[in-house]
Amino acid sequence: MKKILSLILAFSTLSLACLSADEPKPELPLVFSEDFEKGFKRWDLTDPRGWTHREVEKNHVFGINARKNNYKPKVRSPYHIALIKGIELSDFVLTFRVRSTKDTGNHRDCCVFFNHQDPTHFYYVHLGALPDPHSGQIMIVNGEPRKALTENKNKIPWTNEWHQVKVQRDSKKGTIEIFFDDMEKPVMTAIDKTFGKGRIGIGSFDDMNDFDDIELRGR
């Protein structure tokens, strides 16, 4: 009888463990959201003159209004950077909507910046239309001109319409996952543990975009 009870207990414990393994991980807490209806006071910009806050179809957006600005990075890296004020995260999920407002060809892009330590130490993803070593890759800026962490071959299907972007980071595993429109299958992935907790932001290397409906979850 004791053997039967022991077997039942062991089976029950195993079943609970299996169920727990199958359960999805709890969603990270929401730490920031932005729809730009009240302006852009919660953002630090490399050059405010390169950005515009305006109303489009009864909805406010925040966008890059010129391909060049007066920001001169110390090493080769993007010009248009807007970082969220007062938030530094190690692990996060960032989602937002973006619309490219000028077709500049193969390097038509937007960028997402994360684990940002200072102007010469950070990650970013360059969502360039046609991938090459400097376009359409997950990049690292580590005291020297940006370098690709990926060898992505997937094109980013830009149009003149709004697109959805998601960036997901797990600092313990070192994983970086980038999603474009399809929120289930990443278009780019990388593993790197160079930078931990840091700032997060949006922008472009030298292109023009509108941004809206930003949501940041993390810890």
N, C-alpha and C. Protein backbone atom coordinates (compact mmCIF):
# COMPACT_ATOMS: atom_id res chain seq x y z
N MET A 1 0.83 -1.21 0.00
CA MET A 1 0.00 0.00 0.00
C MET A 1 0.87 1.26 0.00
N LYS A 2 1.94 1.22 0.86
CA LYS A 2 2.85 2.37 0.92
C LYS A 2 3.51 2.62 -0.42
N LYS A 3 3.85 1.50 -1.10
CA LYS A 3 4.48 1.64 -2.42
C LYS A 3 3.54 2.31 -3.40
N ILE A 4 2.27 1.93 -3.36
CA ILE A 4 1.27 2.51 -4.27
C ILE A 4 1.11 4.00 -4.00
N LEU A 5 1.03 4.35 -2.70
CA LEU A 5 0.89 5.76 -2.32
C LEU A 5 2.10 6.57 -2.78
N SER A 6 3.30 5.97 -2.63
CA SER A 6 4.53 6.65 -3.05
C SER A 6 4.54 6.87 -4.56
N LEU A 7 4.08 5.87 -5.30
CA LEU A 7 4.03 5.99 -6.76
C LEU A 7 3.04 7.07 -7.17
N ILE A 8 1.87 7.11 -6.49
CA ILE A 8 0.86 8.12 -6.81
C ILE A 8 1.41 9.52 -6.55
N LEU A 9 2.09 9.69 -5.40
CA LEU A 9 2.67 10.98 -5.03
C LEU A 9 3.73 11.41 -6.04
N ALA A 10 4.59 10.46 -6.43
CA ALA A 10 5.65 10.77 -7.40
C ALA A 10 5.05 11.16 -8.74
N PHE A 11 4.01 10.42 -9.16
CA PHE A 11 3.36 10.74 -10.44
C PHE A 11 2.70 12.11 -10.39
N SER A 12 2.07 12.43 -9.25
CA SER A 12 1.40 13.73 -9.10
C SER A 12 2.41 14.87 -9.17
N THR A 13 3.56 14.67 -8.49
CA THR A 13 4.61 15.70 -8.49
C THR A 13 5.16 15.91 -9.90
N LEU A 14 5.37 14.80 -10.62
CA LEU A 14 5.88 14.88 -11.99
C LEU A 14 4.88 15.58 -12.89
N SER A 15 3.59 15.27 -12.72
CA SER A 15 2.55 15.89 -13.54
C SER A 15 2.49 17.39 -13.32
N LEU A 16 2.59 17.81 -12.05
CA LEU A 16 2.58 19.24 -11.74
C LEU A 16 3.79 19.94 -12.33
N ALA A 17 4.94 19.27 -12.28
CA ALA A 17 6.16 19.85 -12.85
C ALA A 17 6.03 20.04 -14.35
N CYS A 18 5.43 19.04 -15.01
CA CYS A 18 5.23 19.13 -16.45
C CYS A 18 4.27 20.25 -16.81
N LEU A 19 3.20 20.37 -16.03
CA LEU A 19 2.24 21.45 -16.27
C LEU A 19 2.88 22.81 -16.08
N SER A 20 3.73 22.92 -15.04
CA SER A 20 4.41 24.19 -14.78
C SER A 20 5.35 24.54 -15.91
N ALA A 21 6.01 23.51 -16.47
CA ALA A 21 6.95 23.75 -17.57
C ALA A 21 6.24 24.23 -18.81
N ASP A 22 4.98 23.76 -18.98
CA ASP A 22 4.23 24.13 -20.18
C ASP A 22 3.60 25.52 -20.06
N GLU A 23 3.46 26.03 -18.84
CA GLU A 23 2.83 27.33 -18.65
C GLU A 23 3.70 28.44 -19.22
N PRO A 24 3.10 29.41 -19.88
CA PRO A 24 3.89 30.52 -20.40
C PRO A 24 4.47 31.35 -19.27
N LYS A 25 5.64 31.94 -19.51
CA LYS A 25 6.26 32.79 -18.50
C LYS A 25 5.39 34.03 -18.29
N PRO A 26 5.33 34.50 -17.03
CA PRO A 26 4.51 35.69 -16.78
C PRO A 26 5.04 36.90 -17.54
N GLU A 27 4.12 37.74 -18.00
CA GLU A 27 4.48 38.92 -18.77
C GLU A 27 5.24 39.90 -17.89
N LEU A 28 6.25 40.52 -18.45
CA LEU A 28 7.01 41.52 -17.70
C LEU A 28 6.10 42.70 -17.38
N PRO A 29 6.33 43.37 -16.26
CA PRO A 29 5.47 44.51 -15.90
C PRO A 29 5.66 45.69 -16.84
N LEU A 30 4.58 46.44 -17.06
CA LEU A 30 4.64 47.64 -17.89
C LEU A 30 5.35 48.74 -17.12
N VAL A 31 6.40 49.30 -17.71
CA VAL A 31 7.16 50.36 -17.04
C VAL A 31 7.07 51.70 -17.77
N PHE A 32 6.59 51.69 -19.03
CA PHE A 32 6.54 52.94 -19.78
C PHE A 32 5.61 52.76 -20.97
N SER A 33 4.81 53.78 -21.24
CA SER A 33 4.02 53.80 -22.47
C SER A 33 3.96 55.24 -22.98
N GLU A 34 3.81 55.38 -24.28
CA GLU A 34 3.84 56.71 -24.90
C GLU A 34 3.01 56.72 -26.17
N ASP A 35 2.06 57.67 -26.24
CA ASP A 35 1.31 57.86 -27.47
C ASP A 35 1.50 59.26 -28.06
N PHE A 36 2.36 60.07 -27.42
CA PHE A 36 2.75 61.40 -27.88
C PHE A 36 1.60 62.40 -27.95
N GLU A 37 0.48 62.07 -27.32
CA GLU A 37 -0.63 63.02 -27.30
C GLU A 37 -0.33 64.23 -26.41
N LYS A 38 0.61 64.07 -25.47
CA LYS A 38 0.98 65.18 -24.58
C LYS A 38 2.41 65.68 -24.84
N GLY A 39 2.90 65.44 -26.04
CA GLY A 39 4.24 65.93 -26.37
C GLY A 39 5.31 64.87 -26.23
N PHE A 40 6.56 65.32 -26.04
CA PHE A 40 7.69 64.39 -26.00
C PHE A 40 8.68 64.77 -24.89
N LYS A 41 8.17 65.25 -23.78
CA LYS A 41 9.02 65.70 -22.67
C LYS A 41 9.77 64.56 -21.98
N ARG A 42 9.32 63.35 -22.21
CA ARG A 42 9.95 62.20 -21.53
C ARG A 42 11.09 61.58 -22.34
N TRP A 43 11.60 62.34 -23.32
CA TRP A 43 12.64 61.81 -24.21
C TRP A 43 13.85 62.73 -24.24
N ASP A 44 15.05 62.13 -24.27
CA ASP A 44 16.31 62.85 -24.51
C ASP A 44 16.71 62.64 -25.97
N LEU A 45 17.01 63.74 -26.67
CA LEU A 45 17.29 63.68 -28.10
C LEU A 45 18.72 64.12 -28.38
N THR A 46 19.37 63.45 -29.33
CA THR A 46 20.72 63.86 -29.72
C THR A 46 20.72 65.24 -30.37
N ASP A 47 19.65 65.56 -31.12
CA ASP A 47 19.48 66.89 -31.70
C ASP A 47 17.99 67.15 -31.88
N PRO A 48 17.37 67.93 -30.98
CA PRO A 48 15.93 68.17 -31.07
C PRO A 48 15.48 68.77 -32.39
N ARG A 49 16.38 69.47 -33.08
CA ARG A 49 16.00 70.10 -34.35
C ARG A 49 15.71 69.09 -35.44
N GLY A 50 16.12 67.86 -35.23
CA GLY A 50 15.87 66.82 -36.23
C GLY A 50 14.54 66.12 -36.07
N TRP A 51 13.75 66.51 -35.04
CA TRP A 51 12.51 65.81 -34.73
C TRP A 51 11.31 66.76 -34.79
N THR A 52 10.15 66.20 -35.07
CA THR A 52 8.91 66.97 -35.14
C THR A 52 7.80 66.26 -34.39
N HIS A 53 7.05 67.02 -33.58
CA HIS A 53 5.85 66.51 -32.94
C HIS A 53 4.67 67.15 -33.65
N ARG A 54 3.82 66.33 -34.27
CA ARG A 54 2.76 66.91 -35.08
C ARG A 54 1.53 66.01 -35.09
N GLU A 55 0.44 66.54 -35.57
CA GLU A 55 -0.81 65.79 -35.67
C GLU A 55 -0.99 65.28 -37.09
N VAL A 56 -1.27 64.00 -37.20
CA VAL A 56 -1.51 63.36 -38.49
C VAL A 56 -2.81 62.56 -38.39
N GLU A 57 -3.80 62.93 -39.18
CA GLU A 57 -5.09 62.24 -39.18
C GLU A 57 -5.67 62.14 -37.77
N LYS A 58 -5.70 63.30 -37.07
CA LYS A 58 -6.25 63.43 -35.71
C LYS A 58 -5.51 62.59 -34.68
N ASN A 59 -4.24 62.33 -34.94
CA ASN A 59 -3.42 61.53 -34.03
C ASN A 59 -2.02 62.13 -33.98
N HIS A 60 -1.46 62.31 -32.79
CA HIS A 60 -0.13 62.89 -32.67
C HIS A 60 0.95 61.83 -32.83
N VAL A 61 1.98 62.19 -33.57
CA VAL A 61 3.12 61.31 -33.78
C VAL A 61 4.41 62.09 -33.51
N PHE A 62 5.46 61.35 -33.29
CA PHE A 62 6.78 61.93 -33.06
C PHE A 62 7.69 61.40 -34.16
N GLY A 63 8.32 62.30 -34.93
CA GLY A 63 9.04 61.82 -36.09
C GLY A 63 10.31 62.57 -36.41
N ILE A 64 11.13 61.96 -37.22
CA ILE A 64 12.39 62.54 -37.70
C ILE A 64 12.09 63.30 -38.97
N ASN A 65 12.45 64.59 -39.00
CA ASN A 65 12.03 65.45 -40.11
C ASN A 65 13.14 65.79 -41.11
N ALA A 66 14.35 65.29 -40.89
CA ALA A 66 15.45 65.57 -41.82
C ALA A 66 16.42 64.40 -41.79
N ARG A 67 17.05 64.15 -42.90
CA ARG A 67 17.97 63.01 -42.95
C ARG A 67 19.24 63.28 -42.14
N LYS A 68 19.68 64.52 -42.07
CA LYS A 68 20.89 64.86 -41.32
C LYS A 68 20.54 65.81 -40.18
N ASN A 69 21.36 65.79 -39.14
CA ASN A 69 21.24 66.80 -38.08
C ASN A 69 22.64 67.19 -37.61
N ASN A 70 22.71 67.95 -36.55
CA ASN A 70 24.00 68.48 -36.10
C ASN A 70 24.72 67.60 -35.09
N TYR A 71 24.14 66.44 -34.79
CA TYR A 71 24.81 65.52 -33.87
C TYR A 71 25.96 64.83 -34.57
N LYS A 72 27.13 64.85 -33.95
CA LYS A 72 28.32 64.23 -34.52
C LYS A 72 28.81 63.14 -33.56
N PRO A 73 28.42 61.89 -33.78
CA PRO A 73 28.88 60.82 -32.89
C PRO A 73 30.40 60.67 -32.94
N LYS A 74 30.98 60.27 -31.80
CA LYS A 74 32.44 60.12 -31.71
C LYS A 74 32.94 58.96 -32.55
N VAL A 75 32.10 57.94 -32.72
CA VAL A 75 32.43 56.81 -33.59
C VAL A 75 31.26 56.61 -34.54
N ARG A 76 31.51 55.95 -35.66
CA ARG A 76 30.49 55.76 -36.67
C ARG A 76 29.29 55.03 -36.08
N SER A 77 28.15 55.72 -36.00
CA SER A 77 26.93 55.19 -35.39
C SER A 77 25.78 56.12 -35.75
N PRO A 78 24.52 55.75 -35.42
CA PRO A 78 23.37 56.55 -35.87
C PRO A 78 23.38 57.99 -35.36
N TYR A 79 22.71 58.86 -36.16
CA TYR A 79 22.61 60.29 -35.85
C TYR A 79 21.35 60.62 -35.06
N HIS A 80 20.25 59.98 -35.40
CA HIS A 80 18.96 60.32 -34.80
C HIS A 80 18.66 59.36 -33.65
N ILE A 81 18.78 59.83 -32.42
CA ILE A 81 18.55 58.98 -31.26
C ILE A 81 17.65 59.71 -30.26
N ALA A 82 16.58 59.05 -29.84
CA ALA A 82 15.69 59.55 -28.78
C ALA A 82 15.62 58.48 -27.70
N LEU A 83 16.15 58.78 -26.51
CA LEU A 83 16.19 57.84 -25.40
C LEU A 83 15.14 58.20 -24.35
N ILE A 84 14.49 57.18 -23.80
CA ILE A 84 13.52 57.39 -22.73
C ILE A 84 14.25 57.89 -21.49
N LYS A 85 13.72 58.92 -20.87
CA LYS A 85 14.33 59.48 -19.67
C LYS A 85 14.06 58.61 -18.44
N GLY A 86 15.09 58.47 -17.61
CA GLY A 86 14.90 57.91 -16.27
C GLY A 86 14.62 56.43 -16.18
N ILE A 87 14.83 55.67 -17.25
CA ILE A 87 14.58 54.22 -17.22
C ILE A 87 15.80 53.48 -17.77
N GLU A 88 16.30 52.54 -16.97
CA GLU A 88 17.35 51.63 -17.41
C GLU A 88 16.92 50.20 -17.11
N LEU A 89 17.03 49.33 -18.10
CA LEU A 89 16.55 47.96 -17.95
C LEU A 89 17.60 46.96 -18.43
N SER A 90 17.56 45.77 -17.85
CA SER A 90 18.36 44.66 -18.34
C SER A 90 17.55 43.79 -19.30
N ASP A 91 16.36 43.38 -18.82
CA ASP A 91 15.46 42.54 -19.61
C ASP A 91 14.23 43.34 -19.97
N PHE A 92 13.78 43.22 -21.21
CA PHE A 92 12.63 44.04 -21.62
C PHE A 92 11.98 43.48 -22.87
N VAL A 93 10.76 43.96 -23.11
CA VAL A 93 10.07 43.79 -24.39
C VAL A 93 9.56 45.17 -24.79
N LEU A 94 10.00 45.65 -25.92
CA LEU A 94 9.60 46.95 -26.44
C LEU A 94 8.78 46.75 -27.70
N THR A 95 7.61 47.37 -27.77
CA THR A 95 6.81 47.35 -29.00
C THR A 95 6.44 48.78 -29.38
N PHE A 96 6.30 49.02 -30.67
CA PHE A 96 5.86 50.33 -31.15
C PHE A 96 5.44 50.24 -32.61
N ARG A 97 4.77 51.30 -33.07
CA ARG A 97 4.42 51.44 -34.48
C ARG A 97 5.37 52.45 -35.11
N VAL A 98 5.74 52.19 -36.36
CA VAL A 98 6.63 53.10 -37.08
C VAL A 98 6.22 53.18 -38.55
N ARG A 99 6.39 54.37 -39.10
CA ARG A 99 6.10 54.58 -40.53
C ARG A 99 7.28 55.31 -41.15
N SER A 100 7.83 54.74 -42.21
CA SER A 100 8.90 55.40 -42.95
C SER A 100 8.28 56.46 -43.85
N THR A 101 8.76 57.70 -43.74
CA THR A 101 8.15 58.81 -44.47
C THR A 101 8.95 59.24 -45.70
N LYS A 102 10.05 58.55 -45.96
CA LYS A 102 10.81 58.84 -47.18
C LYS A 102 11.50 57.57 -47.65
N ASP A 103 11.26 57.18 -48.87
CA ASP A 103 11.88 55.99 -49.44
C ASP A 103 13.29 56.33 -49.91
N THR A 104 14.28 55.87 -49.16
CA THR A 104 15.69 56.15 -49.51
C THR A 104 16.39 54.93 -50.10
N GLY A 105 15.61 53.92 -50.47
CA GLY A 105 16.20 52.78 -51.15
C GLY A 105 16.64 51.67 -50.21
N ASN A 106 17.77 51.05 -50.51
CA ASN A 106 18.20 49.84 -49.82
C ASN A 106 18.44 50.01 -48.33
N HIS A 107 18.84 51.21 -47.91
CA HIS A 107 19.13 51.44 -46.50
C HIS A 107 18.00 52.19 -45.78
N ARG A 108 16.84 52.24 -46.38
CA ARG A 108 15.66 52.81 -45.71
C ARG A 108 15.48 52.09 -44.38
N ASP A 109 15.42 52.85 -43.27
CA ASP A 109 15.49 52.17 -41.99
C ASP A 109 14.79 52.91 -40.88
N CYS A 110 14.61 52.21 -39.75
CA CYS A 110 14.51 52.83 -38.44
C CYS A 110 15.44 52.04 -37.53
N CYS A 111 15.77 52.61 -36.37
CA CYS A 111 16.67 51.96 -35.43
C CYS A 111 16.03 51.91 -34.04
N VAL A 112 16.40 50.89 -33.30
CA VAL A 112 16.03 50.79 -31.89
C VAL A 112 17.32 50.65 -31.09
N PHE A 113 17.44 51.42 -30.02
CA PHE A 113 18.65 51.44 -29.19
C PHE A 113 18.33 50.82 -27.84
N PHE A 114 19.25 50.01 -27.32
CA PHE A 114 18.96 49.35 -26.06
C PHE A 114 20.25 48.98 -25.32
N ASN A 115 20.09 48.74 -23.99
CA ASN A 115 21.24 48.53 -23.11
C ASN A 115 22.29 49.62 -23.34
N HIS A 116 21.79 50.85 -23.53
CA HIS A 116 22.62 52.01 -23.85
C HIS A 116 23.33 52.50 -22.59
N GLN A 117 24.68 52.48 -22.63
CA GLN A 117 25.48 52.90 -21.48
C GLN A 117 25.88 54.37 -21.57
N ASP A 118 26.32 54.75 -22.76
CA ASP A 118 26.76 56.12 -23.05
C ASP A 118 26.85 56.24 -24.56
N PRO A 119 27.23 57.42 -25.11
CA PRO A 119 27.20 57.59 -26.57
C PRO A 119 28.10 56.66 -27.38
N THR A 120 29.01 55.95 -26.73
CA THR A 120 29.89 55.06 -27.49
C THR A 120 29.80 53.60 -27.04
N HIS A 121 28.78 53.28 -26.24
CA HIS A 121 28.61 51.90 -25.77
C HIS A 121 27.13 51.55 -25.72
N PHE A 122 26.66 50.79 -26.70
CA PHE A 122 25.24 50.40 -26.74
C PHE A 122 25.02 49.39 -27.87
N TYR A 123 23.84 48.75 -27.82
CA TYR A 123 23.36 47.95 -28.93
C TYR A 123 22.33 48.76 -29.70
N TYR A 124 22.17 48.43 -30.98
CA TYR A 124 21.01 48.90 -31.72
C TYR A 124 20.70 47.94 -32.85
N VAL A 125 19.46 47.93 -33.27
CA VAL A 125 19.10 47.17 -34.46
C VAL A 125 18.83 48.16 -35.58
N HIS A 126 19.43 47.91 -36.71
CA HIS A 126 19.23 48.71 -37.91
C HIS A 126 18.27 47.94 -38.81
N LEU A 127 17.04 48.43 -38.88
CA LEU A 127 16.02 47.75 -39.69
C LEU A 127 16.07 48.29 -41.11
N GLY A 128 17.17 48.02 -41.77
CA GLY A 128 17.37 48.47 -43.14
C GLY A 128 16.67 47.56 -44.13
N ALA A 129 16.20 48.15 -45.22
CA ALA A 129 15.40 47.41 -46.20
C ALA A 129 16.14 46.21 -46.79
N LEU A 130 17.38 46.44 -47.22
CA LEU A 130 18.16 45.37 -47.86
C LEU A 130 19.38 45.07 -46.99
N PRO A 131 19.51 43.85 -46.49
CA PRO A 131 20.62 43.55 -45.58
C PRO A 131 21.98 43.54 -46.28
N ASP A 132 22.95 44.10 -45.58
CA ASP A 132 24.37 43.99 -45.93
C ASP A 132 25.12 44.17 -44.62
N PRO A 133 26.44 44.19 -44.58
CA PRO A 133 27.14 44.28 -43.30
C PRO A 133 26.79 45.51 -42.47
N HIS A 134 26.22 46.55 -43.09
CA HIS A 134 25.90 47.78 -42.36
C HIS A 134 24.41 48.11 -42.38
N SER A 135 23.61 47.22 -42.89
CA SER A 135 22.17 47.45 -43.00
C SER A 135 21.41 46.17 -42.64
N GLY A 136 20.27 46.34 -41.95
CA GLY A 136 19.45 45.18 -41.64
C GLY A 136 20.11 44.21 -40.70
N GLN A 137 20.86 44.73 -39.70
CA GLN A 137 21.58 43.87 -38.76
C GLN A 137 21.40 44.37 -37.33
N ILE A 138 21.65 43.47 -36.37
CA ILE A 138 21.77 43.87 -34.97
C ILE A 138 23.23 44.30 -34.78
N MET A 139 23.42 45.50 -34.25
CA MET A 139 24.75 46.11 -34.21
C MET A 139 25.20 46.35 -32.76
N ILE A 140 26.51 46.44 -32.58
CA ILE A 140 27.08 46.84 -31.31
C ILE A 140 28.04 48.00 -31.53
N VAL A 141 27.92 49.01 -30.67
CA VAL A 141 28.87 50.12 -30.63
C VAL A 141 29.60 49.98 -29.30
N ASN A 142 30.87 49.68 -29.36
CA ASN A 142 31.65 49.39 -28.15
C ASN A 142 32.98 50.13 -28.18
N GLY A 143 32.87 51.47 -28.16
CA GLY A 143 34.06 52.31 -28.17
C GLY A 143 34.72 52.44 -29.51
N GLU A 144 34.10 51.91 -30.54
CA GLU A 144 34.63 51.97 -31.90
C GLU A 144 33.47 51.92 -32.87
N PRO A 145 33.70 52.18 -34.17
CA PRO A 145 32.59 52.18 -35.14
C PRO A 145 31.74 50.91 -35.04
N ARG A 146 30.44 51.06 -35.30
CA ARG A 146 29.50 49.95 -35.11
C ARG A 146 29.90 48.72 -35.90
N LYS A 147 29.60 47.58 -35.30
CA LYS A 147 29.87 46.29 -35.93
C LYS A 147 28.62 45.43 -35.85
N ALA A 148 28.41 44.60 -36.86
CA ALA A 148 27.24 43.73 -36.90
C ALA A 148 27.47 42.49 -36.03
N LEU A 149 26.45 42.16 -35.22
CA LEU A 149 26.45 40.91 -34.47
C LEU A 149 25.79 39.79 -35.26
N THR A 150 25.13 40.14 -36.35
CA THR A 150 24.37 39.18 -37.14
C THR A 150 24.87 39.16 -38.58
N GLU A 151 24.44 38.14 -39.28
CA GLU A 151 24.64 38.06 -40.73
C GLU A 151 23.27 37.86 -41.37
N ASN A 152 22.36 38.74 -41.03
CA ASN A 152 20.98 38.62 -41.49
C ASN A 152 20.88 38.70 -43.01
N LYS A 153 20.04 37.86 -43.57
CA LYS A 153 19.78 37.87 -45.02
C LYS A 153 18.34 38.24 -45.34
N ASN A 154 17.52 38.46 -44.29
CA ASN A 154 16.11 38.76 -44.50
C ASN A 154 15.89 40.23 -44.83
N LYS A 155 15.16 40.49 -45.89
CA LYS A 155 14.80 41.87 -46.22
C LYS A 155 13.75 42.37 -45.24
N ILE A 156 13.78 43.67 -44.97
CA ILE A 156 12.76 44.30 -44.15
C ILE A 156 11.75 44.94 -45.10
N PRO A 157 10.51 44.45 -45.10
CA PRO A 157 9.55 44.85 -46.14
C PRO A 157 8.89 46.21 -45.87
N TRP A 158 9.67 47.27 -45.98
CA TRP A 158 9.14 48.61 -45.77
C TRP A 158 8.12 48.99 -46.86
N THR A 159 7.08 49.68 -46.41
CA THR A 159 6.14 50.33 -47.33
C THR A 159 5.94 51.74 -46.78
N ASN A 160 4.99 52.47 -47.34
CA ASN A 160 4.67 53.80 -46.81
C ASN A 160 3.64 53.75 -45.69
N GLU A 161 3.23 52.54 -45.30
CA GLU A 161 2.21 52.37 -44.27
C GLU A 161 2.87 52.15 -42.90
N TRP A 162 2.03 52.06 -41.87
CA TRP A 162 2.52 51.79 -40.52
C TRP A 162 2.93 50.34 -40.37
N HIS A 163 4.01 50.11 -39.62
CA HIS A 163 4.49 48.77 -39.32
C HIS A 163 4.65 48.62 -37.81
N GLN A 164 4.62 47.35 -37.38
CA GLN A 164 4.77 47.04 -35.96
C GLN A 164 6.15 46.43 -35.73
N VAL A 165 6.83 46.89 -34.67
CA VAL A 165 8.17 46.39 -34.33
C VAL A 165 8.17 45.92 -32.88
N LYS A 166 8.89 44.83 -32.64
CA LYS A 166 9.10 44.36 -31.27
C LYS A 166 10.56 43.99 -31.09
N VAL A 167 11.14 44.41 -29.96
CA VAL A 167 12.50 44.04 -29.59
C VAL A 167 12.44 43.38 -28.22
N GLN A 168 13.04 42.21 -28.12
CA GLN A 168 12.98 41.42 -26.89
C GLN A 168 14.39 41.07 -26.45
N ARG A 169 14.70 41.33 -25.15
CA ARG A 169 16.04 41.11 -24.63
C ARG A 169 15.99 40.30 -23.34
N ASP A 170 16.81 39.25 -23.27
CA ASP A 170 17.01 38.47 -22.06
C ASP A 170 18.49 38.53 -21.73
N SER A 171 18.86 39.32 -20.72
CA SER A 171 20.28 39.58 -20.46
C SER A 171 21.00 38.36 -19.90
N LYS A 172 20.30 37.50 -19.15
CA LYS A 172 20.96 36.30 -18.60
C LYS A 172 21.35 35.34 -19.71
N LYS A 173 20.44 35.13 -20.64
CA LYS A 173 20.74 34.28 -21.79
C LYS A 173 21.57 35.01 -22.84
N GLY A 174 21.51 36.34 -22.82
CA GLY A 174 22.20 37.14 -23.83
C GLY A 174 21.43 37.27 -25.12
N THR A 175 20.18 36.82 -25.14
CA THR A 175 19.43 36.79 -26.39
C THR A 175 18.84 38.16 -26.76
N ILE A 176 18.86 38.44 -28.04
CA ILE A 176 18.23 39.62 -28.63
C ILE A 176 17.37 39.12 -29.77
N GLU A 177 16.07 39.46 -29.75
CA GLU A 177 15.15 39.04 -30.80
C GLU A 177 14.44 40.25 -31.37
N ILE A 178 14.40 40.33 -32.70
CA ILE A 178 13.80 41.46 -33.40
C ILE A 178 12.65 40.96 -34.26
N PHE A 179 11.49 41.61 -34.13
CA PHE A 179 10.30 41.24 -34.89
C PHE A 179 9.83 42.45 -35.70
N PHE A 180 9.36 42.18 -36.92
CA PHE A 180 8.85 43.23 -37.80
C PHE A 180 7.55 42.75 -38.41
N ASP A 181 6.43 43.34 -37.98
CA ASP A 181 5.08 42.98 -38.41
C ASP A 181 4.64 41.62 -37.87
N ASP A 182 5.39 40.57 -38.13
CA ASP A 182 5.08 39.25 -37.58
C ASP A 182 5.62 39.20 -36.15
N MET A 183 4.72 39.24 -35.16
CA MET A 183 5.14 39.29 -33.76
C MET A 183 5.43 37.92 -33.16
N GLU A 184 5.36 36.86 -33.96
CA GLU A 184 5.63 35.51 -33.48
C GLU A 184 6.98 34.98 -33.94
N LYS A 185 7.40 35.39 -35.13
CA LYS A 185 8.64 34.87 -35.70
C LYS A 185 9.66 36.00 -35.86
N PRO A 186 10.80 35.93 -35.15
CA PRO A 186 11.79 37.02 -35.26
C PRO A 186 12.44 37.07 -36.64
N VAL A 187 12.70 38.29 -37.09
CA VAL A 187 13.38 38.48 -38.36
C VAL A 187 14.90 38.47 -38.16
N MET A 188 15.34 38.72 -36.92
CA MET A 188 16.77 38.68 -36.57
C MET A 188 16.92 38.21 -35.14
N THR A 189 17.99 37.48 -34.87
CA THR A 189 18.32 37.09 -33.51
C THR A 189 19.84 37.15 -33.31
N ALA A 190 20.24 37.40 -32.07
CA ALA A 190 21.67 37.40 -31.74
C ALA A 190 21.82 37.02 -30.28
N ILE A 191 23.02 36.60 -29.90
CA ILE A 191 23.36 36.34 -28.50
C ILE A 191 24.63 37.12 -28.18
N ASP A 192 24.52 38.00 -27.17
CA ASP A 192 25.67 38.79 -26.75
C ASP A 192 25.42 39.28 -25.33
N LYS A 193 26.46 39.25 -24.49
CA LYS A 193 26.33 39.66 -23.09
C LYS A 193 27.23 40.83 -22.74
N THR A 194 27.66 41.58 -23.73
CA THR A 194 28.59 42.68 -23.47
C THR A 194 27.98 43.72 -22.53
N PHE A 195 26.73 44.14 -22.79
CA PHE A 195 26.10 45.19 -22.02
C PHE A 195 24.92 44.66 -21.22
N GLY A 196 24.83 45.12 -19.98
CA GLY A 196 23.69 44.79 -19.13
C GLY A 196 22.71 45.94 -19.10
N LYS A 197 22.29 46.30 -17.90
CA LYS A 197 21.27 47.33 -17.74
C LYS A 197 21.64 48.63 -18.45
N GLY A 198 20.67 49.19 -19.17
CA GLY A 198 20.93 50.44 -19.89
C GLY A 198 19.64 51.07 -20.39
N ARG A 199 19.81 52.19 -21.09
CA ARG A 199 18.66 52.96 -21.58
C ARG A 199 18.13 52.37 -22.88
N ILE A 200 16.93 52.80 -23.25
CA ILE A 200 16.25 52.28 -24.44
C ILE A 200 15.71 53.45 -25.23
N GLY A 201 15.76 53.34 -26.57
CA GLY A 201 15.26 54.45 -27.37
C GLY A 201 14.95 54.05 -28.81
N ILE A 202 14.52 55.04 -29.57
CA ILE A 202 14.12 54.88 -30.97
C ILE A 202 14.85 55.90 -31.82
N GLY A 203 14.82 55.71 -33.13
CA GLY A 203 15.43 56.69 -34.03
C GLY A 203 15.75 56.09 -35.38
N SER A 204 16.86 56.57 -35.95
CA SER A 204 17.27 56.12 -37.27
C SER A 204 18.74 56.45 -37.47
N PHE A 205 19.36 55.75 -38.39
CA PHE A 205 20.74 56.12 -38.72
C PHE A 205 20.75 57.49 -39.38
N ASP A 206 20.03 57.61 -40.49
CA ASP A 206 19.94 58.91 -41.16
C ASP A 206 18.70 58.98 -42.06
N ASP A 207 17.61 58.35 -41.59
CA ASP A 207 16.39 58.34 -42.38
C ASP A 207 15.26 59.04 -41.64
N MET A 208 14.08 59.07 -42.26
CA MET A 208 12.95 59.82 -41.74
C MET A 208 11.79 58.88 -41.42
N ASN A 209 11.28 58.98 -40.18
CA ASN A 209 10.22 58.09 -39.71
C ASN A 209 9.27 58.82 -38.78
N ASP A 210 8.06 58.29 -38.64
CA ASP A 210 7.13 58.67 -37.58
C ASP A 210 7.00 57.49 -36.62
N PHE A 211 6.89 57.80 -35.30
CA PHE A 211 6.75 56.78 -34.27
C PHE A 211 5.50 57.04 -33.45
N ASP A 212 4.88 55.94 -32.95
CA ASP A 212 3.69 56.09 -32.12
C ASP A 212 3.46 54.81 -31.32
N ASP A 213 2.62 54.93 -30.29
CA ASP A 213 2.10 53.78 -29.51
C ASP A 213 3.21 52.89 -28.99
N ILE A 214 4.08 53.48 -28.21
CA ILE A 214 5.23 52.75 -27.64
C ILE A 214 4.84 52.13 -26.31
N GLU A 215 5.22 50.88 -26.12
CA GLU A 215 4.98 50.18 -24.87
C GLU A 215 6.25 49.44 -24.47
N LEU A 216 6.68 49.65 -23.22
CA LEU A 216 7.91 49.03 -22.72
C LEU A 216 7.61 48.24 -21.46
N ARG A 217 7.92 46.97 -21.49
CA ARG A 217 7.80 46.11 -20.33
C ARG A 217 9.19 45.61 -19.96
N GLY A 218 9.47 45.52 -18.65
CA GLY A 218 10.80 45.06 -18.30
C GLY A 218 11.09 45.10 -16.82
N ARG A 219 12.35 44.78 -16.52
CA ARG A 219 12.84 44.83 -15.15
C ARG A 219 14.36 45.07 -15.16
